[in-house]
N, C-alpha and C. Protein backbone atom coordinates (compact mmCIF):
# COMPACT_ATOMS: atom_id res chain seq x y z
N MET A 1 18.54 -9.80 -31.78
CA MET A 1 17.93 -10.79 -30.63
C MET A 1 17.89 -12.36 -31.32
N VAL A 2 17.48 -12.40 -32.57
CA VAL A 2 17.54 -13.69 -32.94
C VAL A 2 18.94 -14.24 -33.03
N LEU A 3 19.95 -13.55 -33.34
CA LEU A 3 21.51 -14.05 -33.18
C LEU A 3 21.79 -14.37 -31.88
N TRP A 4 21.30 -13.69 -30.91
CA TRP A 4 21.76 -14.04 -29.48
C TRP A 4 20.97 -15.37 -29.11
N HIS A 5 19.77 -15.52 -29.46
CA HIS A 5 19.12 -16.83 -29.22
C HIS A 5 19.84 -17.85 -29.98
N THR A 6 20.16 -17.78 -31.15
CA THR A 6 20.99 -18.76 -31.79
C THR A 6 22.16 -19.01 -31.27
N PHE A 7 22.88 -18.25 -30.85
CA PHE A 7 24.20 -18.22 -30.18
C PHE A 7 23.99 -19.07 -28.66
N ILE A 8 22.88 -18.80 -27.92
CA ILE A 8 22.49 -19.36 -26.93
C ILE A 8 22.16 -21.04 -27.02
N HIS A 9 21.34 -21.12 -27.98
CA HIS A 9 20.97 -22.52 -28.21
C HIS A 9 22.23 -23.44 -28.94
N SER A 10 23.07 -22.55 -29.60
CA SER A 10 24.15 -23.24 -30.13
C SER A 10 25.03 -23.82 -28.74
N LEU A 11 25.07 -23.03 -27.97
CA LEU A 11 25.88 -23.32 -26.87
C LEU A 11 25.33 -24.72 -25.90
N LYS A 12 24.14 -24.98 -26.30
CA LYS A 12 23.29 -25.94 -25.60
C LYS A 12 23.24 -27.16 -26.47
N LEU A 13 23.88 -27.17 -27.45
CA LEU A 13 23.88 -28.43 -28.33
C LEU A 13 24.70 -29.50 -27.65
N PRO A 14 24.42 -30.68 -27.93
CA PRO A 14 23.64 -31.29 -28.91
C PRO A 14 22.09 -31.58 -28.14
N SER A 15 21.83 -30.95 -27.06
CA SER A 15 20.34 -31.14 -26.48
C SER A 15 19.27 -31.13 -27.67
N LYS A 16 18.51 -32.01 -27.27
CA LYS A 16 17.46 -32.15 -28.41
C LYS A 16 16.26 -30.77 -28.40
N GLN A 17 16.13 -30.32 -27.50
CA GLN A 17 15.47 -28.75 -27.34
C GLN A 17 16.19 -27.95 -28.14
N ALA A 18 17.54 -27.59 -27.99
CA ALA A 18 18.16 -26.55 -28.83
C ALA A 18 18.38 -26.99 -30.08
N MET A 19 18.51 -28.12 -30.32
CA MET A 19 18.52 -28.65 -31.74
C MET A 19 17.29 -28.21 -32.70
N PHE A 20 16.07 -28.65 -32.08
CA PHE A 20 15.11 -28.31 -32.88
C PHE A 20 14.81 -26.79 -32.95
N LYS A 21 14.93 -26.20 -31.80
CA LYS A 21 14.74 -24.56 -31.91
C LYS A 21 15.90 -24.03 -33.14
N LEU A 22 17.01 -24.70 -33.07
CA LEU A 22 18.20 -24.13 -34.16
C LEU A 22 17.50 -24.53 -35.69
N ASN A 23 16.92 -25.72 -35.68
CA ASN A 23 16.24 -26.15 -36.98
C ASN A 23 15.38 -25.33 -37.66
N ARG A 24 14.66 -24.49 -36.69
CA ARG A 24 13.58 -23.52 -37.32
C ARG A 24 14.24 -22.33 -37.81
N THR A 25 15.51 -22.01 -37.51
CA THR A 25 16.17 -20.76 -38.14
C THR A 25 16.45 -21.14 -39.59
N GLY A 26 16.39 -20.06 -40.43
CA GLY A 26 16.58 -20.06 -42.04
C GLY A 26 18.12 -20.25 -42.01
N MET A 27 18.42 -20.88 -43.26
CA MET A 27 19.90 -20.91 -43.85
C MET A 27 20.37 -19.61 -43.94
N ASP A 28 19.71 -18.73 -44.12
CA ASP A 28 20.40 -17.25 -44.25
C ASP A 28 21.04 -16.85 -42.76
N MET A 29 20.15 -16.99 -41.91
CA MET A 29 20.58 -16.80 -40.37
C MET A 29 21.75 -17.66 -40.09
N ALA A 30 21.80 -18.80 -40.51
CA ALA A 30 23.05 -19.81 -40.20
C ALA A 30 24.33 -19.24 -40.95
N VAL A 31 24.16 -18.76 -42.06
CA VAL A 31 25.29 -17.92 -42.82
C VAL A 31 25.76 -16.88 -42.20
N ILE A 32 24.87 -15.91 -41.78
CA ILE A 32 25.14 -14.64 -40.97
C ILE A 32 25.91 -15.01 -39.74
N TYR A 33 25.32 -16.13 -39.07
CA TYR A 33 25.89 -16.54 -37.80
C TYR A 33 27.29 -16.87 -37.92
N MET A 34 27.45 -17.75 -38.95
CA MET A 34 28.80 -18.10 -39.21
C MET A 34 29.89 -16.90 -39.63
N LEU A 35 29.36 -15.90 -40.46
CA LEU A 35 30.29 -14.99 -40.76
C LEU A 35 30.83 -14.39 -39.59
N ILE A 36 29.76 -13.92 -38.78
CA ILE A 36 30.04 -13.23 -37.37
C ILE A 36 30.96 -14.20 -36.55
N LEU A 37 30.78 -15.34 -36.48
CA LEU A 37 31.72 -16.40 -35.80
C LEU A 37 33.03 -16.38 -36.36
N ILE A 38 33.28 -16.33 -37.42
CA ILE A 38 34.40 -16.35 -38.26
C ILE A 38 35.14 -15.26 -37.97
N PHE A 39 34.28 -14.05 -37.86
CA PHE A 39 35.00 -12.66 -37.85
C PHE A 39 35.64 -12.77 -36.33
N LEU A 40 34.94 -13.21 -35.28
CA LEU A 40 35.22 -13.18 -33.95
C LEU A 40 36.45 -13.95 -33.86
N SER A 41 36.59 -15.18 -34.45
CA SER A 41 37.52 -15.94 -34.46
C SER A 41 38.89 -15.34 -35.10
N SER A 42 38.72 -14.48 -35.89
CA SER A 42 39.81 -13.91 -36.55
C SER A 42 40.44 -12.46 -35.94
N ILE A 43 39.74 -12.10 -34.78
CA ILE A 43 40.41 -11.07 -34.19
C ILE A 43 41.63 -11.32 -33.59
N PRO A 44 42.06 -12.47 -32.82
CA PRO A 44 43.37 -12.67 -32.52
C PRO A 44 44.45 -12.61 -33.47
N THR A 45 44.12 -12.91 -34.64
CA THR A 45 45.01 -12.98 -35.80
C THR A 45 45.36 -11.38 -36.11
N ALA A 46 44.21 -10.66 -36.08
CA ALA A 46 44.21 -9.33 -36.49
C ALA A 46 45.17 -8.45 -35.40
N VAL A 47 44.67 -8.80 -34.08
CA VAL A 47 45.64 -8.11 -33.13
C VAL A 47 47.14 -8.70 -33.23
N HIS A 48 47.18 -9.88 -33.67
CA HIS A 48 48.64 -10.38 -33.53
C HIS A 48 49.40 -9.63 -34.89
N MET A 49 48.70 -9.56 -35.88
CA MET A 49 49.23 -8.78 -36.94
C MET A 49 49.60 -7.42 -36.86
N LEU A 50 48.75 -6.64 -36.02
CA LEU A 50 48.78 -5.32 -35.56
C LEU A 50 50.02 -5.06 -34.62
N THR A 51 50.21 -5.88 -33.85
CA THR A 51 51.44 -5.85 -32.77
C THR A 51 52.55 -6.40 -32.85
N SER A 52 52.71 -7.02 -34.01
CA SER A 52 53.80 -7.96 -34.38
C SER A 52 54.88 -7.02 -35.23
N GLY A 53 54.42 -6.21 -35.59
CA GLY A 53 55.37 -5.09 -36.53
C GLY A 53 54.98 -5.31 -37.95
N THR A 54 53.88 -6.01 -38.30
CA THR A 54 53.45 -6.05 -39.76
C THR A 54 53.12 -4.52 -39.89
N ASN A 55 52.84 -3.71 -39.34
CA ASN A 55 52.30 -2.28 -39.67
C ASN A 55 53.33 -1.32 -39.41
N GLU A 56 54.55 -1.74 -39.52
CA GLU A 56 55.67 -0.83 -39.10
C GLU A 56 55.69 0.41 -40.31
N ALA A 57 55.44 -0.05 -41.15
CA ALA A 57 55.50 0.97 -42.51
C ALA A 57 54.48 1.99 -42.39
N GLY A 58 53.67 2.14 -41.34
CA GLY A 58 52.79 3.13 -41.22
C GLY A 58 51.43 3.11 -42.08
N ILE A 59 51.26 1.76 -42.65
CA ILE A 59 50.24 1.54 -43.27
C ILE A 59 48.82 2.28 -42.89
N ASN A 60 48.12 2.94 -43.74
CA ASN A 60 46.91 3.51 -43.22
C ASN A 60 45.82 2.35 -42.72
N ILE A 61 45.24 2.77 -41.52
CA ILE A 61 44.17 1.74 -41.06
C ILE A 61 43.27 1.40 -42.02
N ALA A 62 42.70 2.01 -42.91
CA ALA A 62 41.83 1.72 -43.76
C ALA A 62 42.44 0.60 -44.68
N PHE A 63 43.71 0.97 -45.33
CA PHE A 63 44.19 0.08 -46.21
C PHE A 63 44.46 -1.26 -45.44
N TRP A 64 44.91 -1.14 -44.34
CA TRP A 64 45.29 -2.36 -43.46
C TRP A 64 43.94 -3.17 -43.24
N LEU A 65 42.88 -2.48 -43.08
CA LEU A 65 41.40 -3.44 -42.91
C LEU A 65 41.03 -4.12 -44.25
N VAL A 66 41.17 -3.27 -45.32
CA VAL A 66 41.12 -3.95 -46.72
C VAL A 66 41.97 -5.26 -46.84
N TYR A 67 43.38 -5.08 -46.55
CA TYR A 67 44.34 -5.96 -46.79
C TYR A 67 43.70 -7.23 -45.85
N PHE A 68 43.52 -6.96 -44.67
CA PHE A 68 43.20 -8.07 -43.77
C PHE A 68 41.95 -8.64 -44.08
N PHE A 69 40.94 -8.07 -44.55
CA PHE A 69 39.83 -8.65 -45.35
C PHE A 69 40.02 -9.47 -46.36
N PHE A 70 40.74 -8.91 -47.46
CA PHE A 70 40.95 -9.95 -48.56
C PHE A 70 42.13 -11.00 -48.43
N ILE A 71 43.08 -10.63 -47.46
CA ILE A 71 44.06 -11.52 -47.32
C ILE A 71 43.90 -12.67 -46.18
N PHE A 72 43.09 -12.33 -45.42
CA PHE A 72 42.97 -13.31 -44.23
C PHE A 72 41.28 -13.68 -44.18
N TYR A 73 40.47 -12.84 -43.92
CA TYR A 73 39.26 -13.10 -43.51
C TYR A 73 38.47 -13.75 -44.63
N LEU A 74 38.44 -13.19 -45.87
CA LEU A 74 37.77 -13.94 -46.93
C LEU A 74 38.11 -15.39 -47.30
N PRO A 75 39.71 -15.43 -47.46
CA PRO A 75 39.90 -16.97 -47.49
C PRO A 75 39.58 -17.91 -46.63
N ILE A 76 39.86 -17.36 -45.32
CA ILE A 76 39.36 -18.10 -43.96
C ILE A 76 37.82 -18.55 -44.09
N THR A 77 37.34 -17.73 -44.57
CA THR A 77 35.55 -17.75 -44.46
C THR A 77 35.43 -18.96 -45.62
N VAL A 78 35.87 -18.88 -46.68
CA VAL A 78 35.61 -19.78 -47.81
C VAL A 78 36.12 -21.05 -47.53
N VAL A 79 37.24 -21.31 -46.81
CA VAL A 79 38.03 -22.55 -46.13
C VAL A 79 36.96 -23.40 -45.16
N VAL A 80 36.41 -22.20 -44.42
CA VAL A 80 35.32 -22.91 -43.35
C VAL A 80 34.23 -23.18 -43.74
N PHE A 81 33.70 -22.57 -44.91
CA PHE A 81 32.32 -22.77 -45.41
C PHE A 81 32.70 -24.34 -46.17
N LEU A 82 33.75 -24.48 -46.78
CA LEU A 82 33.92 -25.66 -47.42
C LEU A 82 34.10 -26.78 -46.58
N ALA A 83 34.79 -26.51 -45.45
CA ALA A 83 35.17 -27.77 -44.44
C ALA A 83 33.67 -28.07 -43.81
N LEU A 84 32.57 -27.05 -43.80
CA LEU A 84 31.36 -27.30 -42.96
C LEU A 84 30.65 -28.20 -44.11
N THR A 85 30.73 -27.71 -45.25
CA THR A 85 29.81 -28.58 -46.39
C THR A 85 30.55 -30.15 -46.49
N LEU A 86 31.98 -30.14 -46.46
CA LEU A 86 32.32 -31.51 -46.23
C LEU A 86 31.74 -32.25 -44.95
N LEU A 87 31.87 -31.70 -44.07
CA LEU A 87 31.40 -32.19 -42.70
C LEU A 87 29.82 -32.63 -42.96
N ALA A 88 29.16 -31.83 -43.62
CA ALA A 88 27.49 -32.10 -43.77
C ALA A 88 27.38 -33.16 -44.65
N TYR A 89 28.30 -33.46 -45.85
CA TYR A 89 28.44 -34.34 -46.79
C TYR A 89 28.82 -35.64 -46.05
N ILE A 90 29.59 -35.72 -45.04
CA ILE A 90 29.74 -36.94 -44.22
C ILE A 90 28.87 -37.04 -43.32
N GLY A 91 28.16 -36.07 -42.65
CA GLY A 91 26.93 -36.49 -41.99
C GLY A 91 25.88 -37.07 -42.67
N THR A 92 25.68 -36.72 -44.17
CA THR A 92 24.63 -37.52 -44.77
C THR A 92 24.87 -39.02 -44.94
N LEU A 93 26.26 -39.36 -45.16
CA LEU A 93 26.55 -40.59 -45.23
C LEU A 93 26.11 -41.53 -43.78
N ILE A 94 26.56 -40.66 -42.76
CA ILE A 94 26.44 -41.29 -41.38
C ILE A 94 24.71 -41.57 -41.12
N ALA A 95 23.95 -40.41 -41.55
CA ALA A 95 22.59 -40.51 -41.51
C ALA A 95 22.18 -41.49 -42.24
N LYS A 96 22.53 -41.92 -43.31
CA LYS A 96 21.88 -42.94 -44.23
C LYS A 96 22.43 -44.28 -43.66
N LEU A 97 23.71 -44.34 -43.07
CA LEU A 97 24.24 -45.72 -42.34
C LEU A 97 23.20 -45.92 -41.06
N LEU A 98 22.87 -44.82 -40.48
CA LEU A 98 22.11 -44.92 -39.21
C LEU A 98 20.40 -44.76 -39.74
N ASN A 99 20.05 -44.92 -40.91
CA ASN A 99 18.66 -44.99 -41.55
C ASN A 99 17.99 -43.86 -40.91
N ARG A 100 18.59 -42.77 -41.05
CA ARG A 100 17.93 -41.39 -40.64
C ARG A 100 17.79 -40.63 -42.01
N LYS A 101 16.65 -39.95 -42.10
CA LYS A 101 16.20 -39.17 -43.43
C LYS A 101 16.60 -37.84 -43.02
N LEU A 102 17.88 -37.12 -43.31
CA LEU A 102 18.19 -35.70 -43.22
C LEU A 102 18.97 -35.27 -44.39
N LYS A 103 18.55 -33.98 -44.54
CA LYS A 103 19.09 -33.36 -45.82
C LYS A 103 20.37 -32.78 -45.60
N LEU A 104 21.07 -32.37 -46.61
CA LEU A 104 22.32 -31.74 -46.63
C LEU A 104 22.36 -30.33 -45.92
N SER A 105 21.28 -29.54 -46.27
CA SER A 105 21.01 -28.32 -45.81
C SER A 105 20.99 -28.44 -44.20
N LEU A 106 20.07 -29.09 -43.66
CA LEU A 106 19.90 -29.31 -42.36
C LEU A 106 21.26 -29.65 -41.52
N LEU A 107 21.99 -30.74 -42.26
CA LEU A 107 23.20 -30.99 -41.52
C LEU A 107 24.41 -29.94 -41.65
N TRP A 108 24.16 -29.07 -42.60
CA TRP A 108 25.25 -27.94 -42.64
C TRP A 108 24.89 -27.04 -41.68
N LYS A 109 23.54 -26.76 -41.30
CA LYS A 109 23.13 -25.93 -40.47
C LYS A 109 23.70 -26.26 -38.94
N MET A 110 23.48 -27.58 -38.74
CA MET A 110 23.88 -28.19 -37.32
C MET A 110 25.23 -28.28 -37.34
N SER A 111 26.04 -28.35 -38.50
CA SER A 111 27.56 -28.46 -38.38
C SER A 111 27.88 -26.95 -38.00
N ALA A 112 27.28 -26.09 -38.73
CA ALA A 112 27.76 -24.54 -38.45
C ALA A 112 27.28 -24.25 -36.94
N TYR A 113 26.35 -24.66 -36.39
CA TYR A 113 26.01 -24.20 -35.05
C TYR A 113 26.88 -25.19 -34.09
N ALA A 114 27.31 -26.30 -34.42
CA ALA A 114 27.92 -27.09 -33.48
C ALA A 114 29.54 -26.60 -33.52
N SER A 115 29.78 -25.65 -34.41
CA SER A 115 31.19 -25.19 -34.48
C SER A 115 31.29 -23.84 -33.41
N THR A 116 30.15 -23.63 -32.82
CA THR A 116 30.35 -22.45 -31.88
C THR A 116 31.34 -22.36 -30.73
N ILE A 117 31.37 -23.70 -30.13
CA ILE A 117 32.29 -23.87 -29.00
C ILE A 117 33.68 -24.11 -29.37
N PRO A 118 33.92 -24.76 -30.45
CA PRO A 118 35.00 -24.79 -30.91
C PRO A 118 35.75 -23.46 -31.40
N ALA A 119 34.88 -22.67 -31.90
CA ALA A 119 35.30 -21.42 -32.44
C ALA A 119 35.89 -20.59 -31.28
N LEU A 120 34.87 -20.53 -30.37
CA LEU A 120 35.12 -19.80 -28.96
C LEU A 120 36.45 -20.32 -28.55
N ALA A 121 36.62 -21.53 -28.37
CA ALA A 121 37.62 -22.13 -27.71
C ALA A 121 38.94 -21.53 -28.52
N TYR A 122 38.90 -21.77 -29.91
CA TYR A 122 39.96 -21.16 -30.55
C TYR A 122 40.45 -19.81 -30.50
N THR A 123 39.35 -18.98 -30.47
CA THR A 123 39.46 -17.56 -30.18
C THR A 123 40.38 -17.43 -28.84
N LEU A 124 39.95 -17.89 -27.78
CA LEU A 124 40.83 -17.75 -26.68
C LEU A 124 42.20 -18.44 -26.69
N TYR A 125 42.27 -19.49 -27.34
CA TYR A 125 43.45 -20.38 -27.51
C TYR A 125 44.52 -19.42 -28.32
N ALA A 126 44.00 -18.80 -29.24
CA ALA A 126 44.78 -18.04 -30.37
C ALA A 126 45.20 -16.90 -29.73
N PHE A 127 44.70 -16.33 -28.60
CA PHE A 127 45.31 -15.00 -27.88
C PHE A 127 46.64 -15.43 -27.11
N ILE A 128 46.61 -16.73 -26.65
CA ILE A 128 47.69 -17.05 -25.77
C ILE A 128 48.77 -17.88 -26.86
N PHE A 129 48.35 -18.37 -27.51
CA PHE A 129 49.35 -19.56 -28.28
C PHE A 129 49.12 -19.36 -29.82
N PRO A 130 50.28 -19.79 -30.50
CA PRO A 130 50.05 -19.48 -31.98
C PRO A 130 49.14 -20.73 -32.62
N LEU A 131 48.59 -20.72 -33.81
CA LEU A 131 47.78 -21.55 -34.53
C LEU A 131 48.50 -22.83 -34.42
N ASN A 132 47.99 -24.02 -34.13
CA ASN A 132 48.63 -25.11 -34.40
C ASN A 132 47.66 -26.17 -35.09
N LEU A 133 48.00 -27.01 -36.05
CA LEU A 133 47.26 -27.86 -37.02
C LEU A 133 46.33 -28.61 -35.93
N TYR A 134 47.16 -29.03 -35.11
CA TYR A 134 46.42 -30.19 -34.14
C TYR A 134 45.27 -29.76 -33.58
N ILE A 135 44.94 -28.24 -33.36
CA ILE A 135 43.84 -27.81 -32.75
C ILE A 135 43.04 -27.63 -33.92
N MET A 136 43.29 -27.48 -35.01
CA MET A 136 42.08 -27.50 -36.10
C MET A 136 41.57 -28.98 -36.15
N TRP A 137 42.40 -29.89 -36.02
CA TRP A 137 41.97 -31.48 -36.16
C TRP A 137 40.91 -31.61 -34.92
N LEU A 138 41.35 -31.17 -33.83
CA LEU A 138 40.33 -31.18 -32.67
C LEU A 138 38.94 -30.53 -32.72
N MET A 139 39.04 -29.47 -33.54
CA MET A 139 37.68 -28.75 -33.89
C MET A 139 37.00 -29.46 -34.64
N ILE A 140 37.64 -30.06 -35.58
CA ILE A 140 36.81 -31.03 -36.52
C ILE A 140 36.03 -32.33 -35.80
N ALA A 141 37.01 -32.73 -35.10
CA ALA A 141 36.53 -34.06 -34.29
C ALA A 141 35.46 -33.65 -33.41
N PHE A 142 35.43 -32.32 -32.77
CA PHE A 142 34.67 -31.90 -31.97
C PHE A 142 33.01 -31.96 -32.49
N ILE A 143 33.25 -31.29 -33.83
CA ILE A 143 31.83 -30.96 -34.61
C ILE A 143 31.59 -32.19 -35.07
N MET A 144 32.19 -33.12 -35.60
CA MET A 144 31.76 -34.63 -36.00
C MET A 144 31.16 -35.15 -34.77
N ILE A 145 31.57 -35.38 -33.69
CA ILE A 145 30.96 -36.05 -32.59
C ILE A 145 29.66 -35.32 -32.19
N TYR A 146 29.55 -34.14 -32.19
CA TYR A 146 28.28 -33.32 -32.06
C TYR A 146 27.38 -33.60 -33.14
N LEU A 147 27.73 -33.81 -34.38
CA LEU A 147 27.00 -33.89 -35.45
C LEU A 147 26.23 -35.39 -35.33
N VAL A 148 27.13 -36.34 -35.14
CA VAL A 148 26.81 -37.71 -35.08
C VAL A 148 25.60 -37.67 -33.93
N LYS A 149 25.97 -37.06 -32.69
CA LYS A 149 25.03 -37.11 -31.58
C LYS A 149 23.55 -36.40 -31.97
N MET A 150 23.78 -35.36 -32.77
CA MET A 150 22.54 -34.85 -33.27
C MET A 150 21.73 -35.46 -34.35
N ILE A 151 22.68 -36.37 -35.12
CA ILE A 151 21.91 -37.33 -36.12
C ILE A 151 21.06 -38.37 -35.47
N THR A 152 21.62 -38.79 -34.34
CA THR A 152 20.97 -40.19 -33.64
C THR A 152 19.67 -39.60 -32.83
N VAL A 153 19.70 -38.25 -32.68
CA VAL A 153 18.32 -37.54 -31.96
C VAL A 153 17.14 -38.09 -33.00
N TYR A 154 17.31 -37.77 -34.33
CA TYR A 154 16.20 -37.84 -35.26
C TYR A 154 15.68 -39.33 -35.44
N PRO A 155 14.35 -39.44 -35.55
CA PRO A 155 13.92 -40.83 -35.60
C PRO A 155 14.35 -41.69 -36.87
N LYS A 156 14.41 -42.87 -36.79
CA LYS A 156 14.80 -43.70 -37.93
C LYS A 156 13.60 -43.46 -39.11
N ARG A 157 14.08 -43.79 -40.31
CA ARG A 157 13.02 -43.83 -41.27
C ARG A 157 12.15 -45.01 -41.06
N LYS A 158 10.96 -44.78 -41.67
CA LYS A 158 9.79 -46.01 -41.42
C LYS A 158 10.02 -46.69 -42.59
N ILE A 159 10.10 -48.20 -42.56
CA ILE A 159 10.15 -48.95 -43.65
C ILE A 159 8.89 -49.28 -44.24
N LYS A 160 8.69 -48.61 -45.45
CA LYS A 160 7.33 -49.05 -45.87
C LYS A 160 6.95 -50.62 -46.15
N LYS A 161 5.99 -51.10 -45.62
CA LYS A 161 5.74 -52.55 -45.84
C LYS A 161 4.83 -52.77 -46.88
N PRO A 162 4.93 -53.77 -47.76
CA PRO A 162 3.97 -53.86 -49.11
C PRO A 162 2.75 -54.15 -48.62
N HIS A 163 1.76 -53.44 -49.27
CA HIS A 163 0.37 -53.53 -49.03
C HIS A 163 -0.10 -55.03 -49.30
N PRO A 164 -0.99 -55.79 -48.32
CA PRO A 164 -1.44 -57.19 -48.76
C PRO A 164 -1.93 -57.37 -50.00
N SER A 165 -2.65 -56.50 -50.33
CA SER A 165 -3.20 -56.58 -51.81
C SER A 165 -2.49 -56.63 -52.94
N HIS A 166 -1.29 -56.19 -53.11
CA HIS A 166 -0.25 -56.41 -53.82
C HIS A 166 0.49 -57.75 -53.93
N ASP A 167 0.16 -58.69 -52.99
CA ASP A 167 0.85 -59.79 -53.08
C ASP A 167 0.33 -60.91 -54.29
N ARG A 168 -0.85 -60.28 -54.71
CA ARG A 168 -1.72 -61.40 -55.48
C ARG A 168 -1.10 -61.47 -56.96
């Protein structure tokens, strides 16, 4: 049930209410959510591999699943997690420039949740067309735009004024 609510709120981003509800989810839920999202996004590739003659040699389905997991899903998962981490680091720089106090972990979660719409769009696109590098760049741009919008929702840092008694 938590995953379903997370999914629904991810679709509502960058709304303030959805963002604050997603902030309350733990990092473990964000990681599980991303693993499931990456799995769903890899279904078109699995279907393409199965229907394109890759399985002509009559490979056992269990062996094929192990092959798919280690050769495709696992490396893609590592690449996606590294990309989200890079986007979150860029987000921390943007947050500093905009004078917002946000931590890397929060920005990573927000980047992960912002990737829901691009991942779903990619999944639909991949069933019809082959993977295109431009689509990947569009997905990254989409996530960055959402991330900047979410960063601007947070209030600016309060500037500490020196206490008058310290002027002496």
